[in-house]
Protein backbone atom coordinates (compact mmCIF):
# COMPACT_ATOMS: atom_id res chain seq x y z
CA MET A 1 15.55 2.41 26.51
CA SER A 2 14.94 3.42 22.92
CA GLU A 3 13.73 0.49 20.08
CA THR A 4 17.12 -0.87 18.31
CA THR A 5 16.58 0.65 14.44
CA ARG A 6 17.45 -2.35 11.88
CA LEU A 7 20.03 -2.29 9.52
CA GLY A 8 19.03 -3.01 6.18
CA ILE A 9 21.03 -3.97 3.34
CA ASP A 10 19.98 -4.50 -0.13
CA VAL A 11 21.76 -6.40 -2.12
CA TRP A 12 21.64 -6.64 -6.42
CA LEU A 13 23.04 -10.21 -7.44
CA ASP A 14 22.85 -12.12 -10.82
CA VAL A 15 23.17 -16.24 -10.51
CA ALA A 16 26.13 -15.71 -12.91
CA CYS A 17 28.21 -13.41 -10.99
CA PRO A 18 31.48 -15.63 -8.92
CA TRP A 19 32.33 -11.84 -7.43
CA CYS A 20 27.94 -12.39 -6.38
CA ALA A 21 28.96 -15.97 -4.52
CA LEU A 22 31.92 -14.75 -2.56
CA GLY A 23 30.50 -11.53 -1.96
CA GLU A 24 27.69 -12.72 -0.59
CA ARG A 25 29.70 -15.16 1.95
CA ARG A 26 32.24 -12.42 3.17
CA LEU A 27 28.95 -10.07 3.91
CA ASP A 28 27.80 -13.43 5.74
CA SER A 29 30.28 -14.01 7.89
CA VAL A 30 30.91 -10.64 8.48
CA ILE A 31 27.55 -10.30 9.85
CA GLU A 32 28.14 -13.32 11.90
CA LYS A 33 30.49 -11.40 14.41
CA LEU A 34 28.92 -7.96 14.51
CA PRO A 35 27.38 -7.83 17.88
CA PHE A 36 24.29 -5.84 16.24
CA GLY A 37 24.24 -9.33 13.72
CA ASP A 38 21.10 -9.97 14.91
CA ALA A 39 19.75 -6.65 13.80
CA VAL A 40 20.56 -6.95 9.83
CA ASP A 41 18.39 -7.65 7.52
CA VAL A 42 19.26 -8.37 3.82
CA ARG A 43 17.33 -8.45 0.13
CA PHE A 44 18.28 -9.92 -2.15
CA HIS A 45 17.30 -8.19 -5.64
CA SER A 46 18.37 -8.58 -9.35
CA TYR A 47 20.11 -7.74 -11.86
CA GLN A 48 21.33 -9.33 -15.48
CA LEU A 49 24.44 -9.09 -16.57
CA ASP A 50 23.03 -10.92 -20.18
CA PRO A 51 20.00 -10.31 -20.93
CA ASN A 52 20.40 -12.03 -24.66
CA ALA A 53 22.01 -15.63 -23.25
CA PRO A 54 20.27 -17.96 -24.67
CA ASP A 55 17.42 -19.63 -22.38
CA ARG A 56 19.29 -22.59 -22.38
CA ALA A 57 22.75 -23.14 -22.15
CA THR A 58 24.41 -24.01 -25.54
CA MET A 59 27.83 -23.85 -25.01
CA THR A 60 30.51 -23.75 -22.37
CA GLN A 61 31.64 -21.01 -19.88
CA SER A 62 35.18 -20.65 -22.01
CA GLU A 63 33.35 -21.13 -25.26
CA TYR A 64 30.42 -17.97 -24.18
CA LEU A 65 33.02 -16.03 -22.56
CA ALA A 66 35.59 -16.09 -26.02
CA GLY A 67 32.23 -15.76 -28.40
CA ARG A 68 31.97 -12.09 -25.92
CA GLY A 69 35.31 -11.40 -26.94
CA LEU A 70 37.33 -12.18 -23.24
CA ASP A 71 40.70 -13.45 -24.22
CA PRO A 72 41.08 -16.86 -22.67
CA ALA A 73 44.50 -16.09 -20.56
CA ARG A 74 42.69 -13.71 -19.62
CA LEU A 75 39.98 -15.69 -19.01
CA GLU A 76 42.77 -18.09 -17.02
CA ALA A 77 44.19 -15.80 -14.93
CA SER A 78 40.61 -14.53 -13.28
CA HIS A 79 40.01 -18.11 -12.67
CA GLN A 80 42.76 -18.75 -11.01
CA HIS A 81 42.10 -15.44 -8.69
CA LEU A 82 38.48 -16.25 -8.13
CA SER A 83 39.63 -19.91 -7.02
CA ALA A 84 42.18 -18.62 -4.84
CA SER A 85 39.62 -16.23 -3.01
CA GLY A 86 37.10 -19.73 -3.37
CA SER A 87 39.46 -21.04 -0.76
CA GLU A 88 39.65 -18.76 1.65
CA LEU A 89 35.80 -18.37 1.93
CA GLY A 90 35.30 -21.69 1.70
CA PHE A 91 33.78 -21.74 -1.36
CA GLU A 92 35.12 -24.13 -4.15
CA PHE A 93 34.23 -23.08 -8.57
CA ASP A 94 34.52 -25.67 -10.46
CA HIS A 95 34.83 -23.83 -14.06
CA ASP A 96 34.20 -26.75 -15.90
CA ALA A 97 31.16 -27.34 -15.24
CA VAL A 98 29.51 -23.83 -15.17
CA VAL A 99 26.90 -23.72 -18.24
CA PRO A 100 26.12 -20.16 -19.00
CA SER A 101 22.09 -20.08 -19.89
CA ASN A 102 19.87 -16.73 -19.44
CA THR A 103 19.26 -16.40 -15.35
CA TRP A 104 16.03 -14.32 -15.75
CA ALA A 105 14.59 -17.74 -14.72
CA ALA A 106 15.80 -18.19 -11.40
CA HIS A 107 15.43 -14.24 -10.46
CA ARG A 108 11.97 -15.33 -10.70
CA MET A 109 13.09 -17.77 -7.95
CA ILE A 110 14.32 -15.84 -6.38
CA GLN A 111 11.82 -13.55 -6.04
CA ALA A 112 9.52 -15.95 -4.99
CA ALA A 113 11.44 -17.47 -2.59
CA ALA A 114 11.54 -13.85 -0.89
CA ALA A 115 7.71 -13.97 -0.40
CA GLU A 116 8.14 -17.37 1.55
CA GLY A 117 11.11 -16.02 3.64
CA VAL A 118 13.79 -19.05 1.92
CA GLN A 119 15.70 -15.97 -0.10
CA ALA A 120 18.99 -16.35 1.90
CA GLN A 121 18.09 -19.74 1.19
CA VAL A 122 17.85 -20.53 -2.19
CA VAL A 123 20.08 -18.00 -3.16
CA GLU A 124 23.18 -19.35 -1.55
CA ALA A 125 21.47 -22.93 -3.05
CA LEU A 126 21.79 -21.52 -6.54
CA LEU A 127 24.82 -19.66 -6.55
CA VAL A 128 26.76 -23.80 -4.80
CA GLU A 129 24.40 -25.38 -7.58
CA TYR A 130 25.57 -23.27 -10.57
CA PHE A 131 29.29 -23.00 -9.62
CA GLN A 132 30.18 -25.54 -8.24
CA LYS A 133 28.01 -28.70 -10.20
CA GLY A 134 27.11 -27.06 -13.06
CA LEU A 135 23.78 -26.16 -12.75
CA ASP A 136 21.46 -25.18 -16.64
CA VAL A 137 19.52 -22.55 -14.69
CA GLY A 138 17.45 -22.45 -18.34
CA ASP A 139 16.25 -25.99 -17.41
CA LEU A 140 13.11 -25.32 -15.52
CA GLU A 141 12.99 -28.48 -13.81
CA ALA A 142 16.64 -28.55 -12.27
CA LEU A 143 16.00 -25.18 -11.47
CA LYS A 144 13.12 -26.25 -9.44
CA ALA A 145 14.35 -29.05 -7.99
CA VAL A 146 17.15 -27.03 -6.48
CA VAL A 147 14.84 -23.93 -4.78
CA VAL A 148 12.47 -26.64 -3.34
CA ALA A 149 15.40 -28.48 -1.53
CA ALA A 150 16.45 -24.78 -0.71
CA GLY A 151 13.23 -24.19 0.78
CA LEU A 152 10.34 -23.01 -1.65
CA SER A 153 7.70 -24.09 -1.78
CA GLU A 154 6.88 -26.66 -4.09
CA GLU A 155 3.52 -25.31 -5.29
CA VAL A 156 4.94 -21.43 -5.19
CA ALA A 157 7.90 -23.03 -8.06
CA GLN A 158 5.88 -25.18 -10.01
CA ARG A 159 3.71 -21.92 -10.91
CA VAL A 160 6.81 -20.21 -10.88
CA VAL A 161 7.60 -23.65 -13.82
CA SER A 162 4.41 -23.26 -15.25
CA ASP A 163 4.11 -19.46 -15.54
CA PRO A 164 6.65 -17.51 -17.39
CA TYR A 165 4.37 -14.47 -15.67
CA ALA A 166 4.62 -15.52 -12.29
CA PHE A 167 6.95 -12.96 -10.48
CA ASP A 168 8.29 -11.67 -13.59
CA LYS A 169 7.42 -8.12 -12.41
CA GLU A 170 9.41 -8.02 -9.32
CA VAL A 171 12.18 -8.85 -11.24
CA LYS A 172 11.28 -6.10 -13.84
CA ASP A 173 10.97 -3.39 -11.02
CA ASP A 174 14.81 -4.79 -9.65
CA VAL A 175 16.15 -4.01 -12.95
CA ALA A 176 14.59 -0.97 -13.90
CA ARG A 177 15.62 0.03 -9.97
CA THR A 178 19.04 -0.17 -11.08
CA GLY A 179 19.45 2.42 -13.63
CA GLN A 180 17.35 4.58 -10.79
CA LEU A 181 20.71 4.40 -8.61
CA GLY A 182 22.86 4.10 -11.32
CA ILE A 183 24.12 0.72 -11.26
CA GLN A 184 26.52 -0.73 -13.50
CA GLY A 185 27.68 -3.62 -12.21
CA VAL A 186 27.26 -6.89 -9.55
CA PRO A 187 27.56 -7.22 -6.88
CA PHE A 188 26.09 -4.23 -5.31
CA TYR A 189 25.10 -3.33 -1.73
CA VAL A 190 22.57 -0.78 -0.71
CA LEU A 191 23.04 0.21 3.15
CA ASP A 192 19.80 1.70 4.48
CA GLY A 193 18.85 3.11 1.43
CA ARG A 194 21.26 5.84 1.80
CA TYR A 195 24.79 3.82 0.75
CA GLY A 196 26.39 2.26 -1.91
CA VAL A 197 29.19 -0.67 -2.48
CA SER A 198 30.27 -2.16 -4.88
CA GLY A 199 31.59 -4.94 -5.77
CA ALA A 200 32.83 -7.74 -3.88
CA GLN A 201 34.78 -5.95 -0.52
CA PRO A 202 37.44 -7.31 1.97
CA ALA A 203 35.22 -8.18 4.86
CA GLU A 204 37.15 -5.56 7.00
CA VAL A 205 35.16 -2.71 4.23
CA PHE A 206 32.01 -4.30 4.95
CA GLU A 207 32.67 -4.20 8.67
CA GLN A 208 33.85 -0.46 8.62
CA ALA A 209 30.36 0.76 6.44
CA LEU A 210 28.19 -1.95 8.88
CA THR A 211 29.39 -0.24 12.16
CA GLN A 212 29.05 3.11 10.86
CA VAL A 213 25.62 2.54 9.42
CA TYR A 214 24.48 0.72 12.39
CA ASP A 215 25.66 3.82 14.99
CA GLU A 216 23.54 6.56 12.85
CA LEU A 217 20.89 4.93 13.05
CA ASN A 218 21.67 3.48 16.70
CA PRO A 219 23.23 6.93 18.20
CA LYS A 220 24.53 5.74 21.97
CA PRO A 221 23.42 8.20 24.23
CA VAL A 222 25.44 10.89 25.99
CA GLN A 223 26.66 9.99 29.05
CA PRO A 224 27.16 12.40 31.87
CA LEU A 225 30.50 12.97 33.34
CA ASN A 226 32.03 11.31 36.13
CA VAL A 227 33.65 14.65 38.47
CA VAL A 228 36.63 13.80 40.03
CA GLY A 229 38.07 15.35 43.12
CA ALA A 230 36.06 18.32 45.67
CA GLU A 231 33.49 21.17 43.26
CA GLY A 232 36.71 23.95 43.13
CA GLU A 233 35.70 27.68 42.50
CA THR A 234 33.49 28.45 39.16
CA CYS A 235 31.36 31.24 37.52
CA GLY A 236 27.62 30.40 36.87
CA PRO A 237 25.11 32.73 35.16
CA ASP A 238 24.56 33.94 38.94
CA GLY A 239 27.87 34.80 39.46
CA CYS A 240 31.16 33.87 40.96
CA ALA A 241 31.78 32.04 43.99
CA VAL A 242 33.26 34.05 46.53
């Protein structure tokens, strides 16, 4: 029996992206239900929506987005849409609690978590704390407390806090890779390094895409036919039956 080829999924996201939070929930729910879910490996990668965001929160989300030219009515409509979509997945947004700040340190924590095998837990914790509890990811001590509670060792988390260059290269490499892949927004999913899926797609789209790629990696062997009835007259390389 041949060994199963695992399906790798590379996810580019930003902690400040609400659709990344919902996309992660949708993808997780699909993987849990797939018959080959245990053969799927997910790795998260760094992308920044606003590299020029201040290191610490200086304004509310509404003020921040208004400063970037987003119409308040459009923002409210977006919040309602996100809240409705989140409720379907058990993810409740507190839009008034969100405080925008630079996410670079959070990405360094995510990279550190990958090295320790707790990346999914750290990503989930950061998204929950950011969108539900008003975590300022620019507050390094608050950031450290969240990721340590999620499973990252305190020693490594403190290294990220103390050394601005810790895991910095890994984040830069991820960001550079987005340009090579043509990624212009997140969430973005790369399946087996060959197929791209853009955005927080509906569950059925994720299921179809993952199933298709997994089946390509693990083609089913051709089954011999079950012959029905007695053998009839045929022709072969040595002639025809008489």
